Amino acid sequence: MSELRLLLPADFWMRKIFDAKAAQEGGVVRRSVRDIERIVGRDRFRRELERRGYHAVENAGQVVIFCNNERVSVWC
């Protein structure tokens, strides 16, 4: 049995996000706020971002996750 199948659904879901090619290369990934809240909860997701040193922004029901430790600037 795969290691991922042994994880709880929330753990499995988060693992898939951060194992994505874009995340592994220090890029960005996007997920819906609804999925984050339904599957893992905002607090837990924020703790994982902080643990990894990542940043995220929310807009129009989507969260864009910057999978690196670089500074984030918001342009108007």
PDB file of N, CA and C in Angstrom:
ATOM      1  N   MET A   1       0.845  -1.191   0.000  1.00  0.00           N
ATOM      2  CA  MET A   1       0.000   0.000   0.000  1.00  0.00           C
ATOM      3  C   MET A   1       0.883   1.244   0.000  1.00  0.00           C
ATOM      4  N   SER A   2       0.525   2.197  -0.794  1.00  0.00           N
ATOM      5  CA  SER A   2       1.265   3.451  -0.895  1.00  0.00           C
ATOM      6  C   SER A   2       1.246   4.206   0.427  1.00  0.00           C
ATOM      7  N   GLU A   3       2.355   4.906   0.716  1.00  0.00           N
ATOM      8  CA  GLU A   3       2.424   5.727   1.939  1.00  0.00           C
ATOM      9  C   GLU A   3       1.306   6.758   1.956  1.00  0.00           C
ATOM     10  N   LEU A   4       0.974   7.336   0.805  1.00  0.00           N
ATOM     11  CA  LEU A   4      -0.067   8.367   0.748  1.00  0.00           C
ATOM     12  C   LEU A   4      -1.431   7.818   1.133  1.00  0.00           C
ATOM     13  N   ARG A   5      -1.699   6.570   0.829  1.00  0.00           N
ATOM     14  CA  ARG A   5      -2.997   5.991   1.161  1.00  0.00           C
ATOM     15  C   ARG A   5      -3.173   5.800   2.660  1.00  0.00           C
ATOM     16  N   LEU A   6      -2.078   5.779   3.406  1.00  0.00           N
ATOM     17  CA  LEU A   6      -2.148   5.610   4.843  1.00  0.00           C
ATOM     18  C   LEU A   6      -2.458   6.921   5.565  1.00  0.00           C
ATOM     19  N   LEU A   7      -2.341   8.026   4.873  1.00  0.00           N
ATOM     20  CA  LEU A   7      -2.596   9.329   5.472  1.00  0.00           C
ATOM     21  C   LEU A   7      -4.096   9.592   5.585  1.00  0.00           C
ATOM     22  N   LEU A   8      -4.462  10.431   6.540  1.00  0.00           N
ATOM     23  CA  LEU A   8      -5.837  10.874   6.638  1.00  0.00           C
ATOM     24  C   LEU A   8      -6.165  11.730   5.422  1.00  0.00           C
ATOM     25  N   PRO A   9      -7.431  11.845   5.059  1.00  0.00           N
ATOM     26  CA  PRO A   9      -7.778  12.626   3.858  1.00  0.00           C
ATOM     27  C   PRO A   9      -7.196  14.040   3.843  1.00  0.00           C
ATOM     28  N   ALA A  10      -7.207  14.746   4.969  1.00  0.00           N
ATOM     29  CA  ALA A  10      -6.658  16.106   5.002  1.00  0.00           C
ATOM     30  C   ALA A  10      -5.152  16.082   4.778  1.00  0.00           C
ATOM     31  N   ASP A  11      -4.469  15.137   5.390  1.00  0.00           N
ATOM     32  CA  ASP A  11      -3.014  15.019   5.203  1.00  0.00           C
ATOM     33  C   ASP A  11      -2.692  14.683   3.756  1.00  0.00           C
ATOM     34  N   PHE A  12      -3.446  13.756   3.191  1.00  0.00           N
ATOM     35  CA  PHE A  12      -3.250  13.348   1.804  1.00  0.00           C
ATOM     36  C   PHE A  12      -3.448  14.534   0.865  1.00  0.00           C
ATOM     37  N   TRP A  13      -4.496  15.314   1.096  1.00  0.00           N
ATOM     38  CA  TRP A  13      -4.803  16.468   0.257  1.00  0.00           C
ATOM     39  C   TRP A  13      -3.684  17.497   0.316  1.00  0.00           C
ATOM     40  N   MET A  14      -3.213  17.805   1.537  1.00  0.00           N
ATOM     41  CA  MET A  14      -2.125  18.784   1.659  1.00  0.00           C
ATOM     42  C   MET A  14      -0.843  18.243   1.039  1.00  0.00           C
ATOM     43  N   ARG A  15      -0.563  16.970   1.238  1.00  0.00           N
ATOM     44  CA  ARG A  15       0.636  16.370   0.659  1.00  0.00           C
ATOM     45  C   ARG A  15       0.627  16.503  -0.855  1.00  0.00           C
ATOM     46  N   LYS A  16      -0.546  16.287  -1.474  1.00  0.00           N
ATOM     47  CA  LYS A  16      -0.658  16.411  -2.931  1.00  0.00           C
ATOM     48  C   LYS A  16      -0.348  17.834  -3.393  1.00  0.00           C
ATOM     49  N   ILE A  17      -0.799  18.833  -2.636  1.00  0.00           N
ATOM     50  CA  ILE A  17      -0.525  20.221  -3.006  1.00  0.00           C
ATOM     51  C   ILE A  17       0.977  20.471  -3.042  1.00  0.00           C
ATOM     52  N   PHE A  18       1.648  20.125  -1.965  1.00  0.00           N
ATOM     53  CA  PHE A  18       3.059  20.472  -1.833  1.00  0.00           C
ATOM     54  C   PHE A  18       3.988  19.510  -2.570  1.00  0.00           C
ATOM     55  N   ASP A  19       3.448  18.395  -3.070  1.00  0.00           N
ATOM     56  CA  ASP A  19       4.216  17.486  -3.917  1.00  0.00           C
ATOM     57  C   ASP A  19       4.056  17.824  -5.403  1.00  0.00           C
ATOM     58  N   ALA A  20       3.173  18.770  -5.713  1.00  0.00           N
ATOM     59  CA  ALA A  20       2.960  19.167  -7.105  1.00  0.00           C
ATOM     60  C   ALA A  20       4.266  19.703  -7.696  1.00  0.00           C
ATOM     61  N   LYS A  21       4.461  19.493  -8.971  1.00  0.00           N
ATOM     62  CA  LYS A  21       5.687  19.926  -9.645  1.00  0.00           C
ATOM     63  C   LYS A  21       5.947  21.416  -9.436  1.00  0.00           C
ATOM     64  N   ALA A  22       4.908  22.242  -9.586  1.00  0.00           N
ATOM     65  CA  ALA A  22       5.081  23.692  -9.418  1.00  0.00           C
ATOM     66  C   ALA A  22       5.559  24.017  -8.005  1.00  0.00           C
ATOM     67  N   ALA A  23       4.995  23.341  -7.015  1.00  0.00           N
ATOM     68  CA  ALA A  23       5.404  23.580  -5.624  1.00  0.00           C
ATOM     69  C   ALA A  23       6.853  23.137  -5.408  1.00  0.00           C
ATOM     70  N   GLN A  24       7.205  22.003  -5.935  1.00  0.00           N
ATOM     71  CA  GLN A  24       8.563  21.483  -5.775  1.00  0.00           C
ATOM     72  C   GLN A  24       9.608  22.378  -6.439  1.00  0.00           C
ATOM     73  N   GLU A  25       9.194  23.096  -7.468  1.00  0.00           N
ATOM     74  CA  GLU A  25      10.111  23.984  -8.189  1.00  0.00           C
ATOM     75  C   GLU A  25      10.090  25.408  -7.642  1.00  0.00           C
ATOM     76  N   GLY A  26       9.378  25.631  -6.526  1.00  0.00           N
ATOM     77  CA  GLY A  26       9.333  26.958  -5.923  1.00  0.00           C
ATOM     78  C   GLY A  26       8.350  27.894  -6.580  1.00  0.00           C
ATOM     79  N   GLY A  27       7.403  27.342  -7.315  1.00  0.00           N
ATOM     80  CA  GLY A  27       6.420  28.150  -8.024  1.00  0.00           C
ATOM     81  C   GLY A  27       5.177  28.405  -7.204  1.00  0.00           C
ATOM     82  N   VAL A  28       4.054  28.549  -7.891  1.00  0.00           N
ATOM     83  CA  VAL A  28       2.793  28.824  -7.222  1.00  0.00           C
ATOM     84  C   VAL A  28       1.775  27.734  -7.537  1.00  0.00           C
ATOM     85  N   VAL A  29       0.880  27.514  -6.589  1.00  0.00           N
ATOM     86  CA  VAL A  29      -0.260  26.627  -6.798  1.00  0.00           C
ATOM     87  C   VAL A  29      -1.502  27.374  -6.316  1.00  0.00           C
ATOM     88  N   ARG A  30      -2.642  26.959  -6.814  1.00  0.00           N
ATOM     89  CA  ARG A  30      -3.893  27.644  -6.480  1.00  0.00           C
ATOM     90  C   ARG A  30      -4.913  26.616  -6.017  1.00  0.00           C
ATOM     91  N   ARG A  31      -5.647  26.976  -4.974  1.00  0.00           N
ATOM     92  CA  ARG A  31      -6.717  26.115  -4.462  1.00  0.00           C
ATOM     93  C   ARG A  31      -7.902  26.988  -4.057  1.00  0.00           C
ATOM     94  N   SER A  32      -9.071  26.403  -4.057  1.00  0.00           N
ATOM     95  CA  SER A  32     -10.259  27.167  -3.666  1.00  0.00           C
ATOM     96  C   SER A  32     -10.331  27.272  -2.145  1.00  0.00           C
ATOM     97  N   VAL A  33     -10.811  28.414  -1.689  1.00  0.00           N
ATOM     98  CA  VAL A  33     -11.011  28.632  -0.257  1.00  0.00           C
ATOM     99  C   VAL A  33     -11.978  27.579   0.272  1.00  0.00           C
ATOM    100  N   ARG A  34     -13.003  27.292  -0.483  1.00  0.00           N
ATOM    101  CA  ARG A  34     -14.004  26.312  -0.063  1.00  0.00           C
ATOM    102  C   ARG A  34     -13.367  24.947   0.217  1.00  0.00           C
ATOM    103  N   ASP A  35     -12.467  24.505  -0.664  1.00  0.00           N
ATOM    104  CA  ASP A  35     -11.801  23.220  -0.443  1.00  0.00           C
ATOM    105  C   ASP A  35     -10.902  23.266   0.789  1.00  0.00           C
ATOM    106  N   ILE A  36     -10.165  24.345   0.939  1.00  0.00           N
ATOM    107  CA  ILE A  36      -9.284  24.468   2.105  1.00  0.00           C
ATOM    108  C   ILE A  36     -10.102  24.382   3.386  1.00  0.00           C
ATOM    109  N   GLU A  37     -11.195  25.135   3.446  1.00  0.00           N
ATOM    110  CA  GLU A  37     -12.031  25.137   4.648  1.00  0.00           C
ATOM    111  C   GLU A  37     -12.695  23.781   4.880  1.00  0.00           C
ATOM    112  N   ARG A  38     -13.132  23.139   3.826  1.00  0.00           N
ATOM    113  CA  ARG A  38     -13.863  21.874   3.941  1.00  0.00           C
ATOM    114  C   ARG A  38     -12.938  20.707   4.286  1.00  0.00           C
ATOM    115  N   ILE A  39     -11.749  20.698   3.720  1.00  0.00           N
ATOM    116  CA  ILE A  39     -10.884  19.529   3.861  1.00  0.00           C
ATOM    117  C   ILE A  39      -9.929  19.636   5.046  1.00  0.00           C
ATOM    118  N   VAL A  40      -9.277  20.794   5.216  1.00  0.00           N
ATOM    119  CA  VAL A  40      -8.292  20.900   6.301  1.00  0.00           C
ATOM    120  C   VAL A  40      -8.565  22.007   7.299  1.00  0.00           C
ATOM    121  N   GLY A  41      -9.322  23.023   6.902  1.00  0.00           N
ATOM    122  CA  GLY A  41      -9.576  24.171   7.769  1.00  0.00           C
ATOM    123  C   GLY A  41      -8.501  25.239   7.578  1.00  0.00           C
ATOM    124  N   ARG A  42      -8.929  26.490   7.694  1.00  0.00           N
ATOM    125  CA  ARG A  42      -8.003  27.611   7.481  1.00  0.00           C
ATOM    126  C   ARG A  42      -6.827  27.609   8.462  1.00  0.00           C
ATOM    127  N   ASP A  43      -7.132  27.389   9.740  1.00  0.00           N
ATOM    128  CA  ASP A  43      -6.070  27.458  10.745  1.00  0.00           C
ATOM    129  C   ASP A  43      -4.977  26.431  10.488  1.00  0.00           C
ATOM    130  N   ARG A  44      -5.382  25.213  10.236  1.00  0.00           N
ATOM    131  CA  ARG A  44      -4.380  24.171   9.976  1.00  0.00           C
ATOM    132  C   ARG A  44      -3.585  24.477   8.701  1.00  0.00           C
ATOM    133  N   PHE A  45      -4.278  24.951   7.679  1.00  0.00           N
ATOM    134  CA  PHE A  45      -3.591  25.263   6.429  1.00  0.00           C
ATOM    135  C   PHE A  45      -2.588  26.399   6.632  1.00  0.00           C
ATOM    136  N   ARG A  46      -2.988  27.429   7.377  1.00  0.00           N
ATOM    137  CA  ARG A  46      -2.070  28.541   7.659  1.00  0.00           C
ATOM    138  C   ARG A  46      -0.855  28.076   8.453  1.00  0.00           C
ATOM    139  N   ARG A  47      -1.077  27.179   9.413  1.00  0.00           N
ATOM    140  CA  ARG A  47       0.061  26.651  10.186  1.00  0.00           C
ATOM    141  C   ARG A  47       1.042  25.919   9.278  1.00  0.00           C
ATOM    142  N   GLU A  48       0.517  25.179   8.309  1.00  0.00           N
ATOM    143  CA  GLU A  48       1.404  24.463   7.380  1.00  0.00           C
ATOM    144  C   GLU A  48       2.174  25.441   6.502  1.00  0.00           C
ATOM    145  N   LEU A  49       1.522  26.499   6.046  1.00  0.00           N
ATOM    146  CA  LEU A  49       2.222  27.517   5.265  1.00  0.00           C
ATOM    147  C   LEU A  49       3.340  28.148   6.091  1.00  0.00           C
ATOM    148  N   GLU A  50       3.025  28.493   7.331  1.00  0.00           N
ATOM    149  CA  GLU A  50       4.032  29.098   8.215  1.00  0.00           C
ATOM    150  C   GLU A  50       5.189  28.144   8.467  1.00  0.00           C
ATOM    151  N   ARG A  51       4.885  26.877   8.698  1.00  0.00           N
ATOM    152  CA  ARG A  51       5.929  25.875   8.945  1.00  0.00           C
ATOM    153  C   ARG A  51       6.901  25.789   7.765  1.00  0.00           C
ATOM    154  N   ARG A  52       6.358  25.905   6.564  1.00  0.00           N
ATOM    155  CA  ARG A  52       7.175  25.817   5.361  1.00  0.00           C
ATOM    156  C   ARG A  52       7.815  27.152   4.980  1.00  0.00           C
ATOM    157  N   GLY A  53       7.362  28.246   5.604  1.00  0.00           N
ATOM    158  CA  GLY A  53       7.870  29.563   5.252  1.00  0.00           C
ATOM    159  C   GLY A  53       7.267  30.107   3.973  1.00  0.00           C
ATOM    160  N   TYR A  54       6.102  29.605   3.582  1.00  0.00           N
ATOM    161  CA  TYR A  54       5.436  30.017   2.358  1.00  0.00           C
ATOM    162  C   TYR A  54       4.459  31.150   2.656  1.00  0.00           C
ATOM    163  N   HIS A  55       4.013  31.801   1.588  1.00  0.00           N
ATOM    164  CA  HIS A  55       3.030  32.878   1.687  1.00  0.00           C
ATOM    165  C   HIS A  55       1.851  32.535   0.786  1.00  0.00           C
ATOM    166  N   ALA A  56       0.709  33.163   1.061  1.00  0.00           N
ATOM    167  CA  ALA A  56      -0.463  32.960   0.221  1.00  0.00           C
ATOM    168  C   ALA A  56      -1.298  34.226   0.219  1.00  0.00           C
ATOM    169  N   VAL A  57      -2.054  34.405  -0.854  1.00  0.00           N
ATOM    170  CA  VAL A  57      -3.008  35.510  -0.942  1.00  0.00           C
ATOM    171  C   VAL A  57      -4.359  34.928  -1.338  1.00  0.00           C
ATOM    172  N   GLU A  58      -5.412  35.601  -0.886  1.00  0.00           N
ATOM    173  CA  GLU A  58      -6.770  35.163  -1.188  1.00  0.00           C
ATOM    174  C   GLU A  58      -7.486  36.236  -1.987  1.00  0.00           C
ATOM    175  N   ASN A  59      -8.226  35.793  -3.012  1.00  0.00           N
ATOM    176  CA  ASN A  59      -9.021  36.703  -3.818  1.00  0.00           C
ATOM    177  C   ASN A  59     -10.100  35.905  -4.525  1.00  0.00           C
ATOM    178  N   ALA A  60     -11.326  36.408  -4.485  1.00  0.00           N
ATOM    179  CA  ALA A  60     -12.454  35.836  -5.239  1.00  0.00           C
ATOM    180  C   ALA A  60     -12.608  34.335  -5.019  1.00  0.00           C
ATOM    181  N   GLY A  61     -12.437  33.896  -3.768  1.00  0.00           N
ATOM    182  CA  GLY A  61     -12.649  32.486  -3.448  1.00  0.00           C
ATOM    183  C   GLY A  61     -11.498  31.571  -3.791  1.00  0.00           C
ATOM    184  N   GLN A  62     -10.361  32.142  -4.169  1.00  0.00           N
ATOM    185  CA  GLN A  62      -9.179  31.348  -4.501  1.00  0.00           C
ATOM    186  C   GLN A  62      -8.013  31.765  -3.615  1.00  0.00           C
ATOM    187  N   VAL A  63      -7.140  30.812  -3.334  1.00  0.00           N
ATOM    188  CA  VAL A  63      -5.911  31.089  -2.594  1.00  0.00           C
ATOM    189  C   VAL A  63      -4.752  30.733  -3.507  1.00  0.00           C
ATOM    190  N   VAL A  64      -3.864  31.690  -3.712  1.00  0.00           N
ATOM    191  CA  VAL A  64      -2.648  31.462  -4.484  1.00  0.00           C
ATOM    192  C   VAL A  64      -1.520  31.286  -3.477  1.00  0.00           C
ATOM    193  N   ILE A  65      -0.851  30.151  -3.546  1.00  0.00           N
ATOM    194  CA  ILE A  65       0.196  29.793  -2.597  1.00  0.00           C
ATOM    195  C   ILE A  65       1.539  29.939  -3.291  1.00  0.00           C
ATOM    196  N   PHE A  66       2.409  30.735  -2.697  1.00  0.00           N
ATOM    197  CA  PHE A  66       3.762  30.943  -3.218  1.00  0.00           C
ATOM    198  C   PHE A  66       4.670  29.953  -2.496  1.00  0.00           C
ATOM    199  N   CYS A  67       5.112  28.939  -3.195  1.00  0.00           N
ATOM    200  CA  CYS A  67       5.848  27.831  -2.589  1.00  0.00           C
ATOM    201  C   CYS A  67       7.346  28.114  -2.549  1.00  0.00           C
ATOM    202  N   ASN A  68       7.677  29.224  -1.922  1.00  0.00           N
ATOM    203  CA  ASN A  68       9.068  29.607  -1.727  1.00  0.00           C
ATOM    204  C   ASN A  68       9.105  30.590  -0.563  1.00  0.00           C
ATOM    205  N   ASN A  69      10.293  31.001  -0.191  1.00  0.00           N
ATOM    206  CA  ASN A  69      10.450  31.901   0.953  1.00  0.00           C
ATOM    207  C   ASN A  69      10.704  33.340   0.531  1.00  0.00           C
ATOM    208  N   GLU A  70      10.463  33.647  -0.732  1.00  0.00           N
ATOM    209  CA  GLU A  70      10.709  34.989  -1.245  1.00  0.00           C
ATOM    210  C   GLU A  70       9.634  35.968  -0.772  1.00  0.00           C
ATOM    211  N   ARG A  71       9.999  37.234  -0.775  1.00  0.00           N
ATOM    212  CA  ARG A  71       9.078  38.307  -0.403  1.00  0.00           C
ATOM    213  C   ARG A  71       7.951  38.385  -1.424  1.00  0.00           C
ATOM    214  N   VAL A  72       6.744  38.686  -0.954  1.00  0.00           N
ATOM    215  CA  VAL A  72       5.583  38.834  -1.840  1.00  0.00           C
ATOM    216  C   VAL A  72       5.153  40.298  -1.825  1.00  0.00           C
ATOM    217  N   SER A  73       4.962  40.857  -3.006  1.00  0.00           N
ATOM    218  CA  SER A  73       4.453  42.223  -3.142  1.00  0.00           C
ATOM    219  C   SER A  73       3.120  42.175  -3.876  1.00  0.00           C
ATOM    220  N   VAL A  74       2.180  42.971  -3.426  1.00  0.00           N
ATOM    221  CA  VAL A  74       0.898  43.061  -4.106  1.00  0.00           C
ATOM    222  C   VAL A  74       0.866  44.361  -4.892  1.00  0.00           C
ATOM    223  N   TRP A  75       0.635  44.249  -6.176  1.00  0.00           N
ATOM    224  CA  TRP A  75       0.580  45.422  -7.053  1.00  0.00           C
ATOM    225  C   TRP A  75      -0.879  45.824  -7.240  1.00  0.00           C
ATOM    226  N   CYS A  76      -1.119  47.103  -7.261  1.00  0.00           N
ATOM    227  CA  CYS A  76      -2.485  47.597  -7.463  1.00  0.00           C
ATOM    228  C   CYS A  76      -2.694  47.976  -8.900  1.00  0.00           C
TER     229      CYS A  76
END
